[in-house]
N, C-alpha and C. Protein backbone atom coordinates (compact mmCIF):
# COMPACT_ATOMS: atom_id res chain seq x y z
N MET A 1 94.99 78.28 118.48
CA MET A 1 96.00 77.63 117.64
C MET A 1 97.46 78.21 117.68
N ALA A 2 98.46 77.37 117.55
CA ALA A 2 99.52 77.63 117.70
C ALA A 2 99.98 78.59 116.55
N ARG A 3 101.06 79.57 116.96
CA ARG A 3 101.71 80.46 115.91
C ARG A 3 102.43 79.76 114.83
N VAL A 4 102.37 80.35 113.65
CA VAL A 4 103.26 79.74 112.51
C VAL A 4 104.44 80.61 112.56
N ILE A 5 105.68 80.38 112.55
CA ILE A 5 106.91 81.07 112.23
C ILE A 5 107.61 80.59 111.00
N HIS A 6 107.84 81.18 109.92
CA HIS A 6 108.27 80.91 108.64
C HIS A 6 109.85 81.30 108.89
N VAL A 7 110.73 80.42 108.96
CA VAL A 7 112.28 80.79 109.00
C VAL A 7 112.89 80.45 107.83
N PHE A 8 113.59 81.70 107.58
CA PHE A 8 114.54 81.37 106.20
C PHE A 8 115.87 81.55 106.73
N ARG A 9 116.69 80.62 106.91
CA ARG A 9 118.07 80.83 107.27
C ARG A 9 119.00 81.13 106.21
N GLN A 10 118.76 80.71 104.98
CA GLN A 10 119.71 80.90 104.06
C GLN A 10 118.69 81.12 102.71
N PRO A 11 117.87 82.32 102.59
CA PRO A 11 116.99 82.45 101.57
C PRO A 11 117.69 82.56 100.15
N ASP A 12 117.08 82.21 99.29
CA ASP A 12 117.53 82.47 97.69
C ASP A 12 117.30 84.10 97.55
N ARG A 13 116.32 84.50 97.91
CA ARG A 13 116.05 85.80 97.72
C ARG A 13 115.15 86.38 98.88
N PHE A 14 115.40 87.71 99.29
CA PHE A 14 114.45 88.30 100.25
C PHE A 14 114.17 89.77 99.52
N VAL A 15 113.16 90.14 99.19
CA VAL A 15 113.00 91.51 98.37
C VAL A 15 111.64 92.14 98.83
N ALA A 16 111.67 93.44 98.60
CA ALA A 16 110.45 94.27 98.62
C ALA A 16 109.99 94.61 97.13
N GLY A 17 108.79 94.56 97.01
CA GLY A 17 108.26 94.77 95.70
C GLY A 17 106.65 95.32 95.70
N THR A 18 106.28 95.56 94.64
CA THR A 18 104.81 96.00 94.44
C THR A 18 103.89 95.32 93.56
N VAL A 19 102.73 95.49 93.58
CA VAL A 19 101.75 95.05 92.68
C VAL A 19 100.77 96.13 92.37
N GLY A 20 100.46 96.73 91.11
CA GLY A 20 99.58 97.75 90.93
C GLY A 20 100.50 98.81 90.26
N GLN A 21 99.60 99.90 90.06
CA GLN A 21 100.18 101.05 89.43
C GLN A 21 100.61 102.16 90.62
N PRO A 22 101.65 103.10 90.27
CA PRO A 22 101.73 104.06 91.40
C PRO A 22 100.55 104.90 91.75
N GLY A 23 100.31 105.04 92.83
CA GLY A 23 99.10 105.53 93.43
C GLY A 23 98.18 104.47 93.85
N ASP A 24 98.38 103.29 93.65
CA ASP A 24 97.42 102.29 93.85
C ASP A 24 98.29 100.83 94.11
N ARG A 25 99.43 101.09 94.35
CA ARG A 25 100.11 99.91 94.81
C ARG A 25 100.05 99.13 96.02
N VAL A 26 100.12 97.77 96.01
CA VAL A 26 100.39 97.33 97.30
C VAL A 26 101.77 96.69 97.39
N PHE A 27 102.21 96.96 98.65
CA PHE A 27 103.64 96.59 98.93
C PHE A 27 103.90 95.24 99.52
N TYR A 28 104.65 94.38 99.09
CA TYR A 28 104.99 93.19 99.71
C TYR A 28 106.30 92.97 99.99
N LEU A 29 106.65 92.22 101.09
CA LEU A 29 108.14 91.54 101.18
C LEU A 29 107.80 90.19 100.98
N GLN A 30 108.88 89.44 100.30
CA GLN A 30 108.68 88.11 99.69
C GLN A 30 110.05 87.57 99.99
N ALA A 31 109.89 86.15 100.62
CA ALA A 31 111.14 85.31 100.82
C ALA A 31 110.83 84.24 100.33
N VAL A 32 112.21 83.69 99.64
CA VAL A 32 112.19 82.48 98.62
C VAL A 32 113.45 81.77 99.12
N GLU A 33 113.06 80.31 99.50
CA GLU A 33 114.26 79.41 99.66
C GLU A 33 113.69 78.14 99.21
N SER A 34 114.51 77.62 98.16
CA SER A 34 114.14 76.40 97.57
C SER A 34 112.81 76.48 96.75
N ALA A 35 111.91 75.66 97.26
CA ALA A 35 110.48 75.68 96.41
C ALA A 35 109.58 76.68 97.47
N ARG A 36 109.94 77.05 98.53
CA ARG A 36 108.96 77.67 99.48
C ARG A 36 109.15 79.15 99.18
N THR A 37 107.76 79.82 99.13
CA THR A 37 107.87 81.25 98.83
C THR A 37 106.85 81.76 99.87
N VAL A 38 107.04 82.79 100.71
CA VAL A 38 106.27 83.47 101.57
C VAL A 38 106.01 85.01 101.31
N SER A 39 105.01 85.52 101.07
CA SER A 39 104.79 86.88 100.83
C SER A 39 103.90 87.57 101.73
N VAL A 40 104.31 88.68 102.33
CA VAL A 40 103.50 89.36 103.43
C VAL A 40 103.11 90.79 102.73
N THR A 41 102.10 91.38 103.07
CA THR A 41 101.82 92.69 102.72
C THR A 41 102.25 93.63 104.01
N ILE A 42 102.70 94.87 103.49
CA ILE A 42 103.42 95.71 104.32
C ILE A 42 102.90 97.12 103.72
N GLU A 43 103.08 98.31 104.69
CA GLU A 43 102.90 99.50 104.31
C GLU A 43 104.12 100.00 103.70
N LYS A 44 104.02 101.01 102.84
CA LYS A 44 105.29 101.65 102.13
C LYS A 44 105.93 102.35 103.26
N ALA A 45 105.44 103.05 104.09
CA ALA A 45 106.30 103.63 105.17
C ALA A 45 107.08 102.58 105.96
N GLN A 46 106.49 101.41 106.20
CA GLN A 46 107.21 100.37 106.92
C GLN A 46 108.48 99.75 106.15
N VAL A 47 108.41 99.74 104.82
CA VAL A 47 109.44 99.38 103.91
C VAL A 47 110.55 100.40 104.05
N ALA A 48 110.04 101.67 103.90
CA ALA A 48 111.10 102.63 104.15
C ALA A 48 112.02 102.79 105.32
N VAL A 49 111.26 102.57 106.44
CA VAL A 49 111.74 102.37 107.79
C VAL A 49 112.51 101.26 107.92
N LEU A 50 112.30 100.15 107.56
CA LEU A 50 113.06 98.90 107.49
C LEU A 50 114.19 99.14 106.91
N ALA A 51 114.35 99.56 105.44
CA ALA A 51 115.59 99.86 104.70
C ALA A 51 116.59 100.83 105.62
N GLU A 52 115.89 101.82 106.28
CA GLU A 52 116.76 102.87 106.82
C GLU A 52 117.30 102.11 108.16
N ARG A 53 116.60 101.47 108.91
CA ARG A 53 116.99 100.68 110.20
C ARG A 53 118.23 99.64 109.88
N ILE A 54 117.87 99.01 108.71
CA ILE A 54 118.90 98.11 108.36
C ILE A 54 120.33 98.88 108.07
N GLY A 55 120.29 99.91 107.35
CA GLY A 55 121.47 100.64 107.26
C GLY A 55 122.21 101.08 108.59
N SER A 56 121.26 101.50 109.50
CA SER A 56 121.85 101.90 110.86
C SER A 56 122.32 100.90 111.42
N LEU A 57 121.73 99.71 111.30
CA LEU A 57 122.13 98.34 112.22
C LEU A 57 123.49 97.86 111.55
N LEU A 58 123.59 97.90 110.28
CA LEU A 58 124.94 97.59 109.64
C LEU A 58 126.03 98.62 110.10
N GLU A 59 125.87 99.64 110.27
CA GLU A 59 126.78 100.63 110.66
C GLU A 59 127.35 100.37 112.15
N GLU A 60 126.33 100.17 112.93
CA GLU A 60 126.44 99.90 114.31
C GLU A 60 127.21 98.38 114.42
N VAL A 61 126.93 97.59 113.61
CA VAL A 61 127.57 96.18 113.89
C VAL A 61 129.05 96.33 113.30
N HIS A 62 129.09 97.11 112.48
CA HIS A 62 130.58 97.43 111.94
C HIS A 62 131.32 97.98 112.98
N ARG A 63 130.78 98.96 113.61
CA ARG A 63 131.49 99.92 114.68
C ARG A 63 131.81 99.04 116.01
N ARG A 64 130.74 98.29 116.20
CA ARG A 64 130.91 97.55 117.64
C ARG A 64 131.52 96.01 117.63
N PHE A 65 131.42 95.48 116.46
CA PHE A 65 131.86 94.09 116.18
C PHE A 65 132.96 93.96 115.04
N GLY A 66 133.13 95.10 114.36
CA GLY A 66 134.35 95.08 113.27
C GLY A 66 133.69 94.13 111.86
N ALA A 67 132.44 93.92 111.95
CA ALA A 67 131.88 93.17 110.71
C ALA A 67 132.24 93.69 109.37
N GLU A 68 132.69 93.13 108.52
CA GLU A 68 133.05 93.50 107.26
C GLU A 68 131.78 94.03 106.44
N LEU A 69 131.68 95.38 105.83
CA LEU A 69 130.51 95.69 105.26
C LEU A 69 131.12 96.42 103.87
N PRO A 70 130.51 95.93 102.92
CA PRO A 70 130.83 96.41 101.49
C PRO A 70 130.38 97.79 101.47
N GLU A 71 131.07 98.80 100.82
CA GLU A 71 130.75 100.14 100.64
C GLU A 71 129.43 99.89 99.43
N ASP A 72 129.81 99.38 98.33
CA ASP A 72 128.80 98.94 97.44
C ASP A 72 128.44 97.62 97.36
N VAL A 73 127.27 97.41 96.78
CA VAL A 73 126.67 95.98 96.72
C VAL A 73 127.08 95.37 95.28
N PRO A 74 127.76 94.38 95.16
CA PRO A 74 128.14 93.64 93.96
C PRO A 74 126.80 93.58 93.05
N ASP A 75 127.06 93.84 91.86
CA ASP A 75 125.86 93.61 90.90
C ASP A 75 125.13 92.07 90.87
N GLU A 76 126.03 91.15 91.09
CA GLU A 76 125.53 89.82 91.18
C GLU A 76 124.65 89.72 92.36
N VAL A 77 124.76 90.31 93.41
CA VAL A 77 123.87 90.29 94.43
C VAL A 77 122.59 91.08 94.54
N LEU A 78 122.53 92.26 93.81
CA LEU A 78 121.47 92.86 93.44
C LEU A 78 120.55 92.21 92.75
N ASP A 79 119.24 92.49 93.17
CA ASP A 79 117.97 91.67 92.70
C ASP A 79 117.13 92.54 92.05
N ALA A 80 116.96 92.74 90.83
CA ALA A 80 115.84 93.59 90.22
C ALA A 80 114.68 92.87 89.63
N ASP A 81 114.67 91.55 89.80
CA ASP A 81 113.54 90.75 89.13
C ASP A 81 112.41 91.08 89.86
N PRO A 82 111.10 90.96 89.23
CA PRO A 82 109.81 91.17 89.89
C PRO A 82 109.60 90.18 90.97
N LEU A 83 108.47 90.35 91.60
CA LEU A 83 108.05 89.42 92.76
C LEU A 83 107.70 88.13 92.03
N GLN A 84 107.92 86.84 92.71
CA GLN A 84 107.59 85.64 92.28
C GLN A 84 105.92 85.48 92.26
N ILE A 85 105.51 85.00 91.31
CA ILE A 85 103.78 85.00 91.12
C ILE A 85 103.53 83.58 91.34
N PRO A 86 102.37 83.24 91.77
CA PRO A 86 101.46 84.22 92.11
C PRO A 86 101.82 84.67 93.52
N VAL A 87 101.50 86.02 93.79
CA VAL A 87 101.80 86.72 95.16
C VAL A 87 100.45 86.51 96.13
N GLU A 88 100.78 85.61 97.01
CA GLU A 88 99.41 85.25 97.87
C GLU A 88 100.09 85.65 99.23
N GLU A 89 99.31 86.72 99.84
CA GLU A 89 99.47 87.32 101.12
C GLU A 89 99.51 86.33 102.16
N GLU A 90 100.49 86.07 102.92
CA GLU A 90 100.37 85.12 104.10
C GLU A 90 99.69 85.88 105.26
N PHE A 91 100.03 87.19 105.43
CA PHE A 91 99.32 88.11 106.50
C PHE A 91 99.98 89.49 106.30
N ARG A 92 99.37 90.41 106.73
CA ARG A 92 99.70 91.77 106.75
C ARG A 92 100.64 92.00 108.07
N VAL A 93 101.66 92.89 107.61
CA VAL A 93 102.86 92.95 108.74
C VAL A 93 102.29 94.17 109.71
N GLY A 94 102.30 93.76 110.98
CA GLY A 94 102.13 94.85 112.14
C GLY A 94 103.47 95.33 112.66
N THR A 95 103.99 94.40 113.41
CA THR A 95 105.34 94.76 114.00
C THR A 95 106.50 94.04 113.24
N MET A 96 107.58 94.94 113.40
CA MET A 96 108.78 94.29 112.64
C MET A 96 109.76 94.40 113.79
N GLY A 97 110.90 93.41 113.81
CA GLY A 97 111.94 93.11 114.55
C GLY A 97 113.23 93.19 113.81
N LEU A 98 114.07 93.76 114.30
CA LEU A 98 115.52 93.69 113.48
C LEU A 98 116.64 93.42 114.68
N GLY A 99 117.59 92.35 114.25
CA GLY A 99 118.65 92.14 115.23
C GLY A 99 119.90 91.66 114.46
N TRP A 100 120.83 91.37 115.21
CA TRP A 100 122.19 90.97 114.70
C TRP A 100 122.31 89.67 115.37
N ASP A 101 122.75 88.43 114.58
CA ASP A 101 123.17 87.32 115.28
C ASP A 101 124.45 87.00 115.15
N ALA A 102 125.21 87.40 116.50
CA ALA A 102 126.58 87.35 116.36
C ALA A 102 127.38 86.00 115.96
N GLU A 103 126.39 84.99 116.27
CA GLU A 103 127.00 83.43 116.00
C GLU A 103 127.07 83.21 114.59
N THR A 104 126.00 83.58 113.88
CA THR A 104 125.94 83.27 112.40
C THR A 104 126.41 84.57 111.60
N ARG A 105 126.63 85.67 112.24
CA ARG A 105 127.16 86.94 111.55
C ARG A 105 126.16 87.42 110.54
N ALA A 106 124.80 87.30 110.80
CA ALA A 106 123.66 87.64 110.30
C ALA A 106 122.79 88.54 110.73
N VAL A 107 122.25 89.41 109.90
CA VAL A 107 121.05 90.47 110.04
C VAL A 107 119.87 89.57 110.20
N VAL A 108 119.14 89.77 111.24
CA VAL A 108 117.91 88.92 111.39
C VAL A 108 116.82 89.89 111.46
N ILE A 109 115.67 89.58 110.42
CA ILE A 109 114.53 90.43 110.14
C ILE A 109 113.40 89.59 110.63
N GLU A 110 112.38 90.14 111.41
CA GLU A 110 111.35 89.53 111.82
C GLU A 110 110.17 90.25 111.60
N LEU A 111 109.02 89.68 110.78
CA LEU A 111 107.86 90.40 110.57
C LEU A 111 106.74 89.80 111.06
N LEU A 112 106.07 90.49 111.99
CA LEU A 112 104.90 89.78 112.84
C LEU A 112 103.70 90.33 112.25
N ALA A 113 102.64 89.34 112.10
CA ALA A 113 101.33 89.75 111.64
C ALA A 113 100.60 90.84 112.49
N VAL A 114 99.72 91.58 111.83
CA VAL A 114 98.86 92.39 112.70
C VAL A 114 98.04 91.68 113.66
N THR A 115 97.95 92.22 114.67
CA THR A 115 96.95 91.80 115.86
C THR A 115 96.15 92.72 116.19
N GLU A 116 94.93 92.30 116.97
CA GLU A 116 93.84 93.23 117.42
C GLU A 116 94.62 93.98 118.61
N GLY A 117 95.18 93.26 119.61
CA GLY A 117 95.86 93.94 120.71
C GLY A 117 97.24 94.34 120.54
N GLU A 118 97.83 94.95 121.64
CA GLU A 118 99.38 95.10 121.80
C GLU A 118 100.03 94.05 121.48
N VAL A 119 101.37 94.02 120.88
CA VAL A 119 102.07 92.88 120.66
C VAL A 119 103.15 92.89 121.93
N ASP A 120 103.39 91.94 122.71
CA ASP A 120 104.46 92.04 123.65
C ASP A 120 105.80 91.73 123.22
N GLU A 121 106.73 92.67 123.42
CA GLU A 121 107.86 92.77 122.47
C GLU A 121 108.65 91.52 122.76
N SER A 122 108.22 90.81 123.91
CA SER A 122 109.08 89.45 124.24
C SER A 122 108.95 88.55 123.12
N VAL A 123 107.89 88.55 122.33
CA VAL A 123 107.67 87.62 121.31
C VAL A 123 108.52 87.94 119.93
N VAL A 124 108.94 89.07 119.86
CA VAL A 124 109.68 89.42 118.72
C VAL A 124 111.12 88.88 118.78
N LEU A 125 111.49 87.85 117.83
CA LEU A 125 112.70 87.18 117.48
C LEU A 125 112.66 86.16 118.70
N ASP A 126 111.45 85.56 118.96
CA ASP A 126 111.53 84.54 120.04
C ASP A 126 110.56 83.33 119.50
N ASP A 127 110.69 82.17 119.98
CA ASP A 127 110.01 81.06 119.43
C ASP A 127 108.91 80.69 120.19
N THR A 128 108.22 81.51 121.03
CA THR A 128 107.04 81.21 121.92
C THR A 128 105.96 80.71 121.12
N ASP A 129 105.08 79.86 121.59
CA ASP A 129 103.98 79.50 121.00
C ASP A 129 102.72 80.29 120.96
N GLU A 130 102.83 81.25 121.77
CA GLU A 130 101.92 82.38 121.89
C GLU A 130 102.36 83.54 120.96
N GLY A 131 101.48 84.16 120.36
CA GLY A 131 101.81 85.25 119.63
C GLY A 131 101.44 85.34 118.27
N PRO A 132 101.65 86.37 117.47
CA PRO A 132 101.16 86.37 116.02
C PRO A 132 101.99 85.66 115.21
N ASP A 133 101.64 85.20 113.99
CA ASP A 133 102.31 84.55 113.05
C ASP A 133 103.53 85.45 112.72
N ALA A 134 104.63 84.90 112.15
CA ALA A 134 105.89 85.53 111.88
C ALA A 134 106.49 85.09 110.63
N VAL A 135 107.41 85.96 109.89
CA VAL A 135 108.28 85.60 108.93
C VAL A 135 109.78 85.95 109.63
N ARG A 136 110.77 85.25 109.72
CA ARG A 136 112.01 85.54 110.13
C ARG A 136 112.95 85.11 109.14
N VAL A 137 113.85 86.25 108.83
CA VAL A 137 114.72 86.07 107.56
C VAL A 137 116.16 86.39 108.12
N PHE A 138 117.12 85.46 107.72
CA PHE A 138 118.63 85.90 108.03
C PHE A 138 119.24 86.13 106.85
N LEU A 139 119.99 87.20 106.94
CA LEU A 139 120.76 87.80 105.81
C LEU A 139 122.20 88.23 106.23
N SER A 140 123.03 87.74 105.18
CA SER A 140 124.47 88.40 105.37
C SER A 140 124.26 89.80 105.24
N PRO A 141 125.51 90.44 105.79
CA PRO A 141 125.55 92.11 105.66
C PRO A 141 125.33 92.60 104.35
N VAL A 142 125.82 91.71 103.09
CA VAL A 142 125.89 92.19 102.00
C VAL A 142 124.48 91.96 101.38
N GLU A 143 123.77 90.81 101.64
CA GLU A 143 122.50 90.65 101.21
C GLU A 143 121.46 91.77 102.06
N ALA A 144 121.74 92.08 103.25
CA ALA A 144 120.85 93.10 103.97
C ALA A 144 121.08 94.26 103.21
N ARG A 145 122.27 94.56 102.94
CA ARG A 145 122.65 96.02 102.13
C ARG A 145 121.66 95.97 100.95
N ALA A 146 121.81 94.99 100.06
CA ALA A 146 121.12 94.79 98.86
C ALA A 146 119.65 94.86 99.09
N PHE A 147 119.12 94.32 99.99
CA PHE A 147 117.78 94.29 100.38
C PHE A 147 117.35 95.74 100.48
N ALA A 148 118.08 96.58 101.35
CA ALA A 148 117.90 97.87 101.62
C ALA A 148 117.89 98.74 100.40
N GLU A 149 118.78 98.53 99.60
CA GLU A 149 119.04 99.31 98.42
C GLU A 149 117.67 99.09 97.44
N ARG A 150 117.39 97.74 97.06
CA ARG A 150 116.23 97.51 96.49
C ARG A 150 114.98 98.30 97.25
N ALA A 151 114.84 98.11 98.26
CA ALA A 151 113.58 98.70 99.04
C ALA A 151 113.64 100.21 98.91
N ASP A 152 114.67 100.84 98.86
CA ASP A 152 114.67 102.35 98.73
C ASP A 152 114.14 102.57 97.20
N ARG A 153 114.73 101.80 96.37
CA ARG A 153 114.14 102.15 94.93
C ARG A 153 112.54 101.89 94.67
N VAL A 154 112.17 100.67 95.40
CA VAL A 154 110.83 100.37 95.24
C VAL A 154 109.93 101.48 95.92
N VAL A 155 110.30 102.11 97.15
CA VAL A 155 109.63 103.30 97.68
C VAL A 155 109.44 104.24 96.95
N ASN A 156 110.73 104.62 96.27
CA ASN A 156 110.83 106.04 95.44
C ASN A 156 110.42 105.89 94.13
N ALA A 157 109.97 104.79 93.63
CA ALA A 157 109.28 104.47 92.37
C ALA A 157 107.91 104.89 92.17
N GLY A 158 107.28 105.38 93.05
CA GLY A 158 105.95 105.70 92.98
C GLY A 158 105.75 107.09 92.25
N ARG A 159 104.67 107.79 92.51
CA ARG A 159 104.36 109.02 92.13
C ARG A 159 105.26 110.23 92.55
N LYS A 160 105.58 111.06 91.73
CA LYS A 160 106.56 112.16 91.87
C LYS A 160 105.91 113.18 92.91
N PRO A 161 106.61 113.90 93.80
CA PRO A 161 106.03 114.68 94.93
C PRO A 161 105.64 115.90 94.28
N CYS A 162 104.62 116.76 94.88
CA CYS A 162 104.35 117.99 94.52
C CYS A 162 105.57 118.80 95.02
N PRO A 163 105.89 119.98 94.08
CA PRO A 163 106.90 120.78 94.64
C PRO A 163 106.76 121.71 95.61
N LEU A 164 105.36 121.99 95.97
CA LEU A 164 105.15 122.84 97.08
C LEU A 164 104.69 122.06 98.41
N CYS A 165 104.13 121.05 98.31
CA CYS A 165 103.79 120.50 99.38
C CYS A 165 104.22 118.96 99.77
N ALA A 166 104.93 118.43 98.76
CA ALA A 166 105.70 117.08 98.75
C ALA A 166 104.51 116.01 98.88
N GLU A 167 103.31 116.08 98.85
CA GLU A 167 102.29 115.12 98.83
C GLU A 167 102.56 114.48 97.25
N PRO A 168 102.06 113.29 97.16
CA PRO A 168 102.20 112.73 95.66
C PRO A 168 101.32 113.36 94.76
N LEU A 169 101.87 113.49 93.61
CA LEU A 169 101.05 114.08 92.52
C LEU A 169 100.27 112.81 91.72
N ASP A 170 99.05 112.95 91.65
CA ASP A 170 98.07 112.04 90.94
C ASP A 170 98.16 112.39 89.41
N PRO A 171 98.11 111.36 88.39
CA PRO A 171 97.91 111.72 87.09
C PRO A 171 96.67 112.61 86.72
N GLU A 172 95.65 112.37 87.59
CA GLU A 172 94.41 113.14 87.19
C GLU A 172 94.30 114.61 87.74
N GLY A 173 95.41 114.83 88.62
CA GLY A 173 95.45 116.15 89.34
C GLY A 173 95.79 115.97 90.71
N HIS A 174 95.89 117.31 91.37
CA HIS A 174 96.36 117.36 92.85
C HIS A 174 95.75 118.64 93.61
N VAL A 175 95.03 118.36 94.46
CA VAL A 175 94.47 119.64 95.31
C VAL A 175 95.57 119.87 96.36
N CYS A 176 96.34 120.97 96.19
CA CYS A 176 97.46 121.16 96.85
C CYS A 176 97.16 122.10 98.19
N PRO A 177 97.31 121.59 99.49
CA PRO A 177 96.93 122.32 100.58
C PRO A 177 97.66 123.68 100.68
N ARG A 178 98.90 123.73 100.15
CA ARG A 178 99.64 125.02 100.11
C ARG A 178 99.21 126.25 99.12
N GLN A 179 98.39 125.74 98.36
CA GLN A 179 97.53 126.64 97.33
C GLN A 179 96.46 127.21 97.91
N ASN A 180 95.94 126.56 99.01
CA ASN A 180 94.86 127.04 99.93
C ASN A 180 93.60 127.39 99.11
N GLY A 181 93.32 126.83 97.96
CA GLY A 181 92.19 126.93 97.16
C GLY A 181 92.17 128.19 96.43
N TYR A 182 93.37 129.00 96.48
CA TYR A 182 93.33 130.32 95.79
C TYR A 182 94.35 130.38 95.09
N ARG A 183 94.30 130.77 93.79
CA ARG A 183 95.34 131.07 92.95
C ARG A 183 95.19 132.36 92.21
N ARG A 184 96.26 133.06 92.04
CA ARG A 184 96.41 134.45 91.60
C ARG A 184 96.19 134.27 89.97
N THR A 185 95.71 135.18 89.70
CA THR A 185 95.43 135.39 88.01
C THR A 185 96.41 136.40 87.84
N GLU A 186 96.64 136.64 86.37
CA GLU A 186 97.71 137.47 85.96
C GLU A 186 97.19 139.01 86.21
N GLU A 187 95.88 139.11 86.35
CA GLU A 187 95.46 140.49 86.36
C GLU A 187 95.48 141.11 88.01
N GLY A 188 95.48 140.11 88.94
CA GLY A 188 95.33 140.28 90.23
C GLY A 188 96.64 140.48 91.09
């Protein structure tokens, strides 16, 4: 079966979001253009890496090509709305690609479905018939910065970290490896 590539050249929105409570959240990236919505499941760590790499890419594009980059994202570009429902998973993200399209002056993000074998990197940002399904989104530098800011907020909105080990604290308690199962009493 031929691979499906969902292309969003001028998305109305491209956001990271979650479904569920902290500690039990499922992370999604959602692209919307006109009446078409595609949602893909992604790991929290992948969202954090994507946001970080977008920032690095924008700095490099500014340095090498002189692209205009705003210091702050205008309020009208920031998207604080929840994911559009129903959230229906198209696929789970395995490999991500990130690039700069000099012709359209856009950041290109490609999300590829998890596959059982290794993904040949030649299929990333390519329209070959063979390979995993993909979502490809084109964002202006301002939209890319807004996506990265929201993604950071979504990632950091979860459980607070333990002050000793930095692992997430659960509401029902936390077994901290730094405590090593031993607690001093006031007598000892």
